[in-house]
PDB file of N, CA and C in Angstrom:
ATOM      1  N   MET A   1      22.594  13.173 -55.636  1.00  0.00           N
ATOM      2  CA  MET A   1      23.389  12.014 -55.114  1.00  0.00           C
ATOM      3  C   MET A   1      24.028  10.700 -55.452  1.00  0.00           C
ATOM      4  N   SER A   2      23.134  10.387 -56.883  1.00  0.00           N
ATOM      5  CA  SER A   2      23.846   9.519 -57.365  1.00  0.00           C
ATOM      6  C   SER A   2      25.235   9.680 -57.907  1.00  0.00           C
ATOM      7  N   ALA A   3      25.035  10.805 -58.612  1.00  0.00           N
ATOM      8  CA  ALA A   3      26.390  10.686 -58.927  1.00  0.00           C
ATOM      9  C   ALA A   3      27.827  10.713 -58.006  1.00  0.00           C
ATOM     10  N   LEU A   4      27.512  11.854 -56.779  1.00  0.00           N
ATOM     11  CA  LEU A   4      28.262  11.627 -55.931  1.00  0.00           C
ATOM     12  C   LEU A   4      28.622   9.901 -55.411  1.00  0.00           C
ATOM     13  N   LEU A   5      27.482   8.980 -55.746  1.00  0.00           N
ATOM     14  CA  LEU A   5      28.258   8.012 -55.241  1.00  0.00           C
ATOM     15  C   LEU A   5      28.505   6.950 -56.293  1.00  0.00           C
ATOM     16  N   SER A   6      28.898   7.139 -57.437  1.00  0.00           N
ATOM     17  CA  SER A   6      29.307   6.530 -58.932  1.00  0.00           C
ATOM     18  C   SER A   6      30.915   6.275 -58.909  1.00  0.00           C
ATOM     19  N   GLY A   7      31.136   5.141 -59.282  1.00  0.00           N
ATOM     20  CA  GLY A   7      32.681   4.678 -59.297  1.00  0.00           C
ATOM     21  C   GLY A   7      33.374   4.796 -58.130  1.00  0.00           C
ATOM     22  N   GLY A   8      34.496   5.335 -58.562  1.00  0.00           N
ATOM     23  CA  GLY A   8      35.313   5.307 -57.295  1.00  0.00           C
ATOM     24  C   GLY A   8      35.157   5.904 -55.822  1.00  0.00           C
ATOM     25  N   HIS A   9      34.006   7.091 -56.219  1.00  0.00           N
ATOM     26  CA  HIS A   9      33.626   7.327 -54.652  1.00  0.00           C
ATOM     27  C   HIS A   9      32.565   6.158 -54.029  1.00  0.00           C
ATOM     28  N   ARG A  10      32.015   6.012 -54.728  1.00  0.00           N
ATOM     29  CA  ARG A  10      31.131   4.626 -53.891  1.00  0.00           C
ATOM     30  C   ARG A  10      32.080   3.576 -53.514  1.00  0.00           C
ATOM     31  N   LEU A  11      33.514   3.188 -53.539  1.00  0.00           N
ATOM     32  CA  LEU A  11      34.269   2.435 -53.224  1.00  0.00           C
ATOM     33  C   LEU A  11      34.705   2.743 -52.161  1.00  0.00           C
ATOM     34  N   THR A  12      35.078   4.272 -52.100  1.00  0.00           N
ATOM     35  CA  THR A  12      35.538   5.054 -51.055  1.00  0.00           C
ATOM     36  C   THR A  12      34.693   4.956 -50.243  1.00  0.00           C
ATOM     37  N   LEU A  13      33.407   5.336 -50.082  1.00  0.00           N
ATOM     38  CA  LEU A  13      32.158   5.495 -48.811  1.00  0.00           C
ATOM     39  C   LEU A  13      32.254   4.085 -48.564  1.00  0.00           C
ATOM     40  N   LEU A  14      32.296   2.797 -49.061  1.00  0.00           N
ATOM     41  CA  LEU A  14      32.663   1.686 -48.934  1.00  0.00           C
ATOM     42  C   LEU A  14      33.673   1.131 -47.815  1.00  0.00           C
ATOM     43  N   TRP A  15      34.435   1.976 -48.333  1.00  0.00           N
ATOM     44  CA  TRP A  15      35.871   1.611 -47.501  1.00  0.00           C
ATOM     45  C   TRP A  15      35.882   2.250 -46.442  1.00  0.00           C
ATOM     46  N   ALA A  16      35.380   3.294 -46.236  1.00  0.00           N
ATOM     47  CA  ALA A  16      35.329   4.189 -45.111  1.00  0.00           C
ATOM     48  C   ALA A  16      34.137   3.728 -43.950  1.00  0.00           C
ATOM     49  N   ILE A  17      33.343   3.098 -44.741  1.00  0.00           N
ATOM     50  CA  ILE A  17      32.369   2.424 -43.736  1.00  0.00           C
ATOM     51  C   ILE A  17      32.836   0.923 -43.070  1.00  0.00           C
ATOM     52  N   LEU A  18      33.324   0.566 -43.562  1.00  0.00           N
ATOM     53  CA  LEU A  18      34.163  -1.099 -43.498  1.00  0.00           C
ATOM     54  C   LEU A  18      35.525  -0.532 -42.184  1.00  0.00           C
ATOM     55  N   LEU A  19      35.847   0.887 -42.328  1.00  0.00           N
ATOM     56  CA  LEU A  19      36.967   0.938 -41.468  1.00  0.00           C
ATOM     57  C   LEU A  19      36.202   1.717 -40.396  1.00  0.00           C
ATOM     58  N   LEU A  20      35.032   2.256 -40.263  1.00  0.00           N
ATOM     59  CA  LEU A  20      34.485   2.153 -38.826  1.00  0.00           C
ATOM     60  C   LEU A  20      34.062   1.167 -38.411  1.00  0.00           C
ATOM     61  N   LEU A  21      33.248   0.266 -39.124  1.00  0.00           N
ATOM     62  CA  LEU A  21      32.976  -1.092 -38.498  1.00  0.00           C
ATOM     63  C   LEU A  21      33.958  -1.185 -37.822  1.00  0.00           C
ATOM     64  N   THR A  22      35.100  -1.505 -38.471  1.00  0.00           N
ATOM     65  CA  THR A  22      36.084  -1.984 -37.695  1.00  0.00           C
ATOM     66  C   THR A  22      36.869  -1.452 -36.276  1.00  0.00           C
ATOM     67  N   LEU A  23      36.954   0.089 -36.634  1.00  0.00           N
ATOM     68  CA  LEU A  23      37.164   0.601 -35.372  1.00  0.00           C
ATOM     69  C   LEU A  23      36.040   0.182 -34.179  1.00  0.00           C
ATOM     70  N   SER A  24      35.390   0.581 -34.357  1.00  0.00           N
ATOM     71  CA  SER A  24      33.738  -0.100 -33.583  1.00  0.00           C
ATOM     72  C   SER A  24      34.130  -1.532 -32.872  1.00  0.00           C
ATOM     73  N   ALA A  25      34.429  -2.085 -33.893  1.00  0.00           N
ATOM     74  CA  ALA A  25      34.552  -3.923 -33.254  1.00  0.00           C
ATOM     75  C   ALA A  25      35.642  -3.319 -32.201  1.00  0.00           C
ATOM     76  N   ALA A  26      36.607  -2.896 -32.654  1.00  0.00           N
ATOM     77  CA  ALA A  26      38.121  -2.824 -31.589  1.00  0.00           C
ATOM     78  C   ALA A  26      37.607  -1.902 -30.577  1.00  0.00           C
ATOM     79  N   LEU A  27      36.770  -0.979 -30.470  1.00  0.00           N
ATOM     80  CA  LEU A  27      36.516  -0.507 -29.003  1.00  0.00           C
ATOM     81  C   LEU A  27      35.606  -0.999 -28.531  1.00  0.00           C
ATOM     82  N   LEU A  28      34.827  -2.048 -28.819  1.00  0.00           N
ATOM     83  CA  LEU A  28      33.781  -2.548 -28.209  1.00  0.00           C
ATOM     84  C   LEU A  28      34.900  -3.940 -27.282  1.00  0.00           C
ATOM     85  N   SER A  29      36.085  -4.464 -27.744  1.00  0.00           N
ATOM     86  CA  SER A  29      36.544  -5.680 -27.513  1.00  0.00           C
ATOM     87  C   SER A  29      37.668  -5.342 -25.967  1.00  0.00           C
ATOM     88  N   PRO A  30      38.225  -6.534 -25.302  1.00  0.00           N
ATOM     89  CA  PRO A  30      37.721  -7.099 -25.621  1.00  0.00           C
ATOM     90  C   PRO A  30      36.217  -7.439 -24.783  1.00  0.00           C
ATOM     91  N   PRO A  31      35.761  -8.681 -25.727  1.00  0.00           N
ATOM     92  CA  PRO A  31      34.092  -8.694 -24.874  1.00  0.00           C
ATOM     93  C   PRO A  31      34.210  -9.448 -23.584  1.00  0.00           C
ATOM     94  N   GLN A  32      33.115  -8.622 -22.702  1.00  0.00           N
ATOM     95  CA  GLN A  32      33.008  -9.005 -21.434  1.00  0.00           C
ATOM     96  C   GLN A  32      32.115  -9.444 -20.712  1.00  0.00           C
ATOM     97  N   ARG A  33      30.763  -9.321 -21.970  1.00  0.00           N
ATOM     98  CA  ARG A  33      29.536  -9.565 -21.653  1.00  0.00           C
ATOM     99  C   ARG A  33      29.447 -10.540 -22.757  1.00  0.00           C
ATOM    100  N   PRO A  34      28.518 -11.406 -23.202  1.00  0.00           N
ATOM    101  CA  PRO A  34      27.879 -11.853 -24.440  1.00  0.00           C
ATOM    102  C   PRO A  34      27.376 -10.820 -24.927  1.00  0.00           C
ATOM    103  N   VAL A  35      26.347  -9.835 -24.455  1.00  0.00           N
ATOM    104  CA  VAL A  35      26.125  -8.820 -25.457  1.00  0.00           C
ATOM    105  C   VAL A  35      26.747  -8.128 -26.330  1.00  0.00           C
ATOM    106  N   ILE A  36      28.096  -7.734 -25.614  1.00  0.00           N
ATOM    107  CA  ILE A  36      29.301  -7.036 -26.284  1.00  0.00           C
ATOM    108  C   ILE A  36      29.875  -7.903 -27.543  1.00  0.00           C
ATOM    109  N   ALA A  37      29.664  -9.410 -27.065  1.00  0.00           N
ATOM    110  CA  ALA A  37      30.381 -10.493 -27.931  1.00  0.00           C
ATOM    111  C   ALA A  37      29.975 -10.466 -29.091  1.00  0.00           C
ATOM    112  N   ALA A  38      28.560 -10.706 -28.999  1.00  0.00           N
ATOM    113  CA  ALA A  38      26.763 -10.069 -30.463  1.00  0.00           C
ATOM    114  C   ALA A  38      27.509  -9.350 -31.171  1.00  0.00           C
ATOM    115  N   ALA A  39      27.578  -8.211 -30.536  1.00  0.00           N
ATOM    116  CA  ALA A  39      27.859  -6.696 -31.066  1.00  0.00           C
ATOM    117  C   ALA A  39      28.738  -6.913 -32.044  1.00  0.00           C
ATOM    118  N   ILE A  40      29.896  -7.331 -31.709  1.00  0.00           N
ATOM    119  CA  ILE A  40      31.196  -7.591 -32.261  1.00  0.00           C
ATOM    120  C   ILE A  40      30.554  -8.609 -33.583  1.00  0.00           C
ATOM    121  N   LEU A  41      30.223  -9.402 -33.311  1.00  0.00           N
ATOM    122  CA  LEU A  41      30.391 -10.876 -34.241  1.00  0.00           C
ATOM    123  C   LEU A  41      29.224 -10.264 -35.289  1.00  0.00           C
ATOM    124  N   THR A  42      27.734  -9.339 -35.232  1.00  0.00           N
ATOM    125  CA  THR A  42      26.886  -8.428 -35.793  1.00  0.00           C
ATOM    126  C   THR A  42      27.739  -7.961 -36.760  1.00  0.00           C
ATOM    127  N   LEU A  43      29.138  -6.332 -36.056  1.00  0.00           N
ATOM    128  CA  LEU A  43      29.652  -5.869 -36.998  1.00  0.00           C
ATOM    129  C   LEU A  43      30.834  -6.574 -38.336  1.00  0.00           C
ATOM    130  N   SER A  44      30.884  -7.785 -37.202  1.00  0.00           N
ATOM    131  CA  SER A  44      31.825  -8.463 -38.489  1.00  0.00           C
ATOM    132  C   SER A  44      31.297  -9.010 -39.440  1.00  0.00           C
ATOM    133  N   MET A  45      29.583  -9.338 -39.394  1.00  0.00           N
ATOM    134  CA  MET A  45      28.607 -10.040 -40.342  1.00  0.00           C
ATOM    135  C   MET A  45      28.734  -8.624 -41.281  1.00  0.00           C
ATOM    136  N   LEU A  46      28.205  -7.906 -41.015  1.00  0.00           N
ATOM    137  CA  LEU A  46      28.114  -6.352 -41.792  1.00  0.00           C
ATOM    138  C   LEU A  46      29.164  -6.590 -42.960  1.00  0.00           C
ATOM    139  N   LYS A  47      30.493  -6.569 -42.103  1.00  0.00           N
ATOM    140  CA  LYS A  47      31.761  -6.491 -43.038  1.00  0.00           C
ATOM    141  C   LYS A  47      31.872  -7.363 -44.199  1.00  0.00           C
ATOM    142  N   ALA A  48      31.610  -8.314 -43.664  1.00  0.00           N
ATOM    143  CA  ALA A  48      31.734  -9.667 -44.376  1.00  0.00           C
ATOM    144  C   ALA A  48      30.967  -9.437 -45.494  1.00  0.00           C
ATOM    145  N   ALA A  49      29.603  -9.486 -45.373  1.00  0.00           N
ATOM    146  CA  ALA A  49      28.639  -9.118 -46.390  1.00  0.00           C
ATOM    147  C   ALA A  49      28.941  -7.912 -47.156  1.00  0.00           C
ATOM    148  N   LEU A  50      29.247  -6.501 -46.651  1.00  0.00           N
ATOM    149  CA  LEU A  50      29.828  -5.832 -47.791  1.00  0.00           C
ATOM    150  C   LEU A  50      30.967  -6.303 -48.358  1.00  0.00           C
ATOM    151  N   VAL A  51      31.850  -6.870 -47.962  1.00  0.00           N
ATOM    152  CA  VAL A  51      32.989  -7.269 -49.274  1.00  0.00           C
ATOM    153  C   VAL A  51      32.820  -8.104 -50.170  1.00  0.00           C
ATOM    154  N   VAL A  52      31.730  -8.679 -49.626  1.00  0.00           N
ATOM    155  CA  VAL A  52      30.550 -10.203 -50.796  1.00  0.00           C
ATOM    156  C   VAL A  52      30.654  -9.431 -51.688  1.00  0.00           C
ATOM    157  N   ASP A  53      29.515  -8.111 -51.160  1.00  0.00           N
ATOM    158  CA  ASP A  53      28.763  -7.746 -52.117  1.00  0.00           C
ATOM    159  C   ASP A  53      29.658  -6.369 -53.488  1.00  0.00           C
ATOM    160  N   HIS A  54      30.100  -6.123 -52.487  1.00  0.00           N
ATOM    161  CA  HIS A  54      31.306  -4.556 -53.668  1.00  0.00           C
ATOM    162  C   HIS A  54      32.543  -5.209 -53.808  1.00  0.00           C
ATOM    163  N   PHE A  55      33.203  -5.489 -52.762  1.00  0.00           N
ATOM    164  CA  PHE A  55      34.595  -5.914 -53.498  1.00  0.00           C
ATOM    165  C   PHE A  55      34.723  -7.535 -53.758  1.00  0.00           C
ATOM    166  N   MET A  56      34.229  -8.170 -53.862  1.00  0.00           N
ATOM    167  CA  MET A  56      34.334  -9.293 -54.462  1.00  0.00           C
ATOM    168  C   MET A  56      33.212  -9.909 -56.074  1.00  0.00           C
ATOM    169  N   GLN A  57      32.881  -8.098 -55.717  1.00  0.00           N
ATOM    170  CA  GLN A  57      31.459  -8.160 -57.357  1.00  0.00           C
ATOM    171  C   GLN A  57      30.404  -8.802 -57.437  1.00  0.00           C
ATOM    172  N   LEU A  58      30.449  -9.690 -56.227  1.00  0.00           N
ATOM    173  CA  LEU A  58      29.625 -10.611 -56.265  1.00  0.00           C
ATOM    174  C   LEU A  58      27.525 -10.004 -56.497  1.00  0.00           C
ATOM    175  N   ARG A  59      27.923  -8.757 -56.702  1.00  0.00           N
ATOM    176  CA  ARG A  59      26.073  -8.571 -56.842  1.00  0.00           C
ATOM    177  C   ARG A  59      25.746  -8.605 -58.056  1.00  0.00           C
ATOM    178  N   GLN A  60      26.820  -8.851 -59.503  1.00  0.00           N
ATOM    179  CA  GLN A  60      26.072  -9.253 -60.342  1.00  0.00           C
ATOM    180  C   GLN A  60      26.145 -10.571 -60.374  1.00  0.00           C
ATOM    181  N   ALA A  61      26.925 -11.507 -59.493  1.00  0.00           N
ATOM    182  CA  ALA A  61      26.777 -12.827 -59.870  1.00  0.00           C
ATOM    183  C   ALA A  61      25.673 -13.335 -60.003  1.00  0.00           C
ATOM    184  N   PRO A  62      25.405 -14.759 -60.166  1.00  0.00           N
ATOM    185  CA  PRO A  62      24.294 -15.810 -59.976  1.00  0.00           C
ATOM    186  C   PRO A  62      23.613 -15.633 -58.801  1.00  0.00           C
ATOM    187  N   GLY A  63      22.405 -15.186 -58.558  1.00  0.00           N
ATOM    188  CA  GLY A  63      22.086 -15.498 -57.545  1.00  0.00           C
ATOM    189  C   GLY A  63      21.956 -16.492 -56.379  1.00  0.00           C
ATOM    190  N   TRP A  64      22.274 -17.740 -56.702  1.00  0.00           N
ATOM    191  CA  TRP A  64      22.649 -18.898 -55.799  1.00  0.00           C
ATOM    192  C   TRP A  64      24.155 -18.309 -55.345  1.00  0.00           C
ATOM    193  N   LEU A  65      25.206 -18.466 -56.659  1.00  0.00           N
ATOM    194  CA  LEU A  65      26.558 -17.883 -55.374  1.00  0.00           C
ATOM    195  C   LEU A  65      26.407 -16.765 -54.372  1.00  0.00           C
ATOM    196  N   ARG A  66      25.503 -15.541 -54.954  1.00  0.00           N
ATOM    197  CA  ARG A  66      25.609 -14.593 -53.966  1.00  0.00           C
ATOM    198  C   ARG A  66      24.878 -14.612 -52.664  1.00  0.00           C
ATOM    199  N   LEU A  67      23.625 -15.805 -53.070  1.00  0.00           N
ATOM    200  CA  LEU A  67      22.685 -15.983 -51.437  1.00  0.00           C
ATOM    201  C   LEU A  67      23.944 -17.374 -50.574  1.00  0.00           C
ATOM    202  N   LEU A  68      24.559 -17.991 -51.636  1.00  0.00           N
ATOM    203  CA  LEU A  68      25.407 -19.165 -50.839  1.00  0.00           C
ATOM    204  C   LEU A  68      26.476 -18.205 -49.738  1.00  0.00           C
ATOM    205  N   LEU A  69      27.224 -17.205 -50.647  1.00  0.00           N
ATOM    206  CA  LEU A  69      28.444 -16.534 -49.791  1.00  0.00           C
ATOM    207  C   LEU A  69      27.076 -15.425 -48.781  1.00  0.00           C
ATOM    208  N   GLN A  70      26.397 -15.062 -48.896  1.00  0.00           N
ATOM    209  CA  GLN A  70      25.815 -14.284 -48.174  1.00  0.00           C
ATOM    210  C   GLN A  70      24.975 -15.070 -47.156  1.00  0.00           C
ATOM    211  N   ALA A  71      24.880 -16.422 -47.108  1.00  0.00           N
ATOM    212  CA  ALA A  71      24.649 -17.329 -45.690  1.00  0.00           C
ATOM    213  C   ALA A  71      25.589 -17.263 -45.202  1.00  0.00           C
ATOM    214  N   TYR A  72      26.739 -17.690 -45.665  1.00  0.00           N
ATOM    215  CA  TYR A  72      28.127 -17.979 -44.966  1.00  0.00           C
ATOM    216  C   TYR A  72      28.417 -17.350 -44.008  1.00  0.00           C
ATOM    217  N   CYS A  73      28.297 -15.452 -43.967  1.00  0.00           N
ATOM    218  CA  CYS A  73      28.548 -14.814 -42.963  1.00  0.00           C
ATOM    219  C   CYS A  73      27.622 -14.883 -41.673  1.00  0.00           C
ATOM    220  N   PRO A  74      26.669 -15.366 -41.576  1.00  0.00           N
ATOM    221  CA  PRO A  74      25.974 -15.247 -40.757  1.00  0.00           C
ATOM    222  C   PRO A  74      26.044 -16.784 -39.727  1.00  0.00           C
ATOM    223  N   SER A  75      26.237 -17.523 -40.768  1.00  0.00           N
ATOM    224  CA  SER A  75      26.692 -19.019 -40.657  1.00  0.00           C
ATOM    225  C   SER A  75      27.643 -19.171 -39.463  1.00  0.00           C
ATOM    226  N   ILE A  76      28.863 -18.351 -39.827  1.00  0.00           N
ATOM    227  CA  ILE A  76      30.396 -17.883 -39.824  1.00  0.00           C
ATOM    228  C   ILE A  76      30.294 -17.526 -38.159  1.00  0.00           C
ATOM    229  N   ALA A  77      29.266 -16.384 -37.553  1.00  0.00           N
ATOM    230  CA  ALA A  77      29.192 -15.887 -36.818  1.00  0.00           C
ATOM    231  C   ALA A  77      28.421 -16.375 -35.656  1.00  0.00           C
ATOM    232  N   LEU A  78      27.327 -17.620 -35.989  1.00  0.00           N
ATOM    233  CA  LEU A  78      26.426 -18.134 -35.333  1.00  0.00           C
ATOM    234  C   LEU A  78      27.589 -19.383 -34.587  1.00  0.00           C
ATOM    235  N   ALA A  79      28.578 -19.703 -35.660  1.00  0.00           N
ATOM    236  CA  ALA A  79      29.205 -20.974 -35.190  1.00  0.00           C
ATOM    237  C   ALA A  79      30.425 -20.596 -33.797  1.00  0.00           C
ATOM    238  N   ALA A  80      30.917 -19.150 -34.517  1.00  0.00           N
ATOM    239  CA  ALA A  80      31.695 -18.366 -33.309  1.00  0.00           C
ATOM    240  C   ALA A  80      30.790 -18.175 -31.993  1.00  0.00           C
ATOM    241  N   TRP A  81      29.707 -17.813 -32.087  1.00  0.00           N
ATOM    242  CA  TRP A  81      28.861 -17.587 -30.949  1.00  0.00           C
ATOM    243  C   TRP A  81      28.848 -18.963 -29.958  1.00  0.00           C
ATOM    244  N   LEU A  82      28.214 -19.764 -30.588  1.00  0.00           N
ATOM    245  CA  LEU A  82      28.106 -20.865 -30.187  1.00  0.00           C
ATOM    246  C   LEU A  82      29.331 -21.710 -29.437  1.00  0.00           C
ATOM    247  N   LEU A  83      30.254 -21.373 -30.059  1.00  0.00           N
ATOM    248  CA  LEU A  83      32.267 -21.962 -29.464  1.00  0.00           C
ATOM    249  C   LEU A  83      32.506 -20.802 -28.596  1.00  0.00           C
ATOM    250  N   LEU A  84      31.830 -20.122 -28.398  1.00  0.00           N
ATOM    251  CA  LEU A  84      31.973 -18.791 -27.051  1.00  0.00           C
ATOM    252  C   LEU A  84      30.917 -19.165 -26.066  1.00  0.00           C
ATOM    253  N   TYR A  85      29.928 -19.413 -26.391  1.00  0.00           N
ATOM    254  CA  TYR A  85      29.057 -19.229 -24.930  1.00  0.00           C
ATOM    255  C   TYR A  85      27.905 -20.487 -24.742  1.00  0.00           C
ATOM    256  N   ALA A  86      28.627 -21.391 -25.612  1.00  0.00           N
ATOM    257  CA  ALA A  86      27.206 -22.320 -25.741  1.00  0.00           C
ATOM    258  C   ALA A  86      27.950 -23.456 -24.440  1.00  0.00           C
TER     259      ALA A  86
END
């Protein structure tokens, strides 16, 4: 299984996951209820975390930098939630 996810195959799989998350968010929009908005924000947060780790190659970055950018994803989602529903 690890041979299947090496190199370009892993990036192709991650791209497919990002595409599925984007399509899922598009199918849920426009948000009619706060629960749907929370689901869309969660999907967006997961996408951002995948991009930070794999496509920005911060998996090998210093721990503080990776943690800073990983914390940025949920903080932006929380800010969007508060702007919409507070």
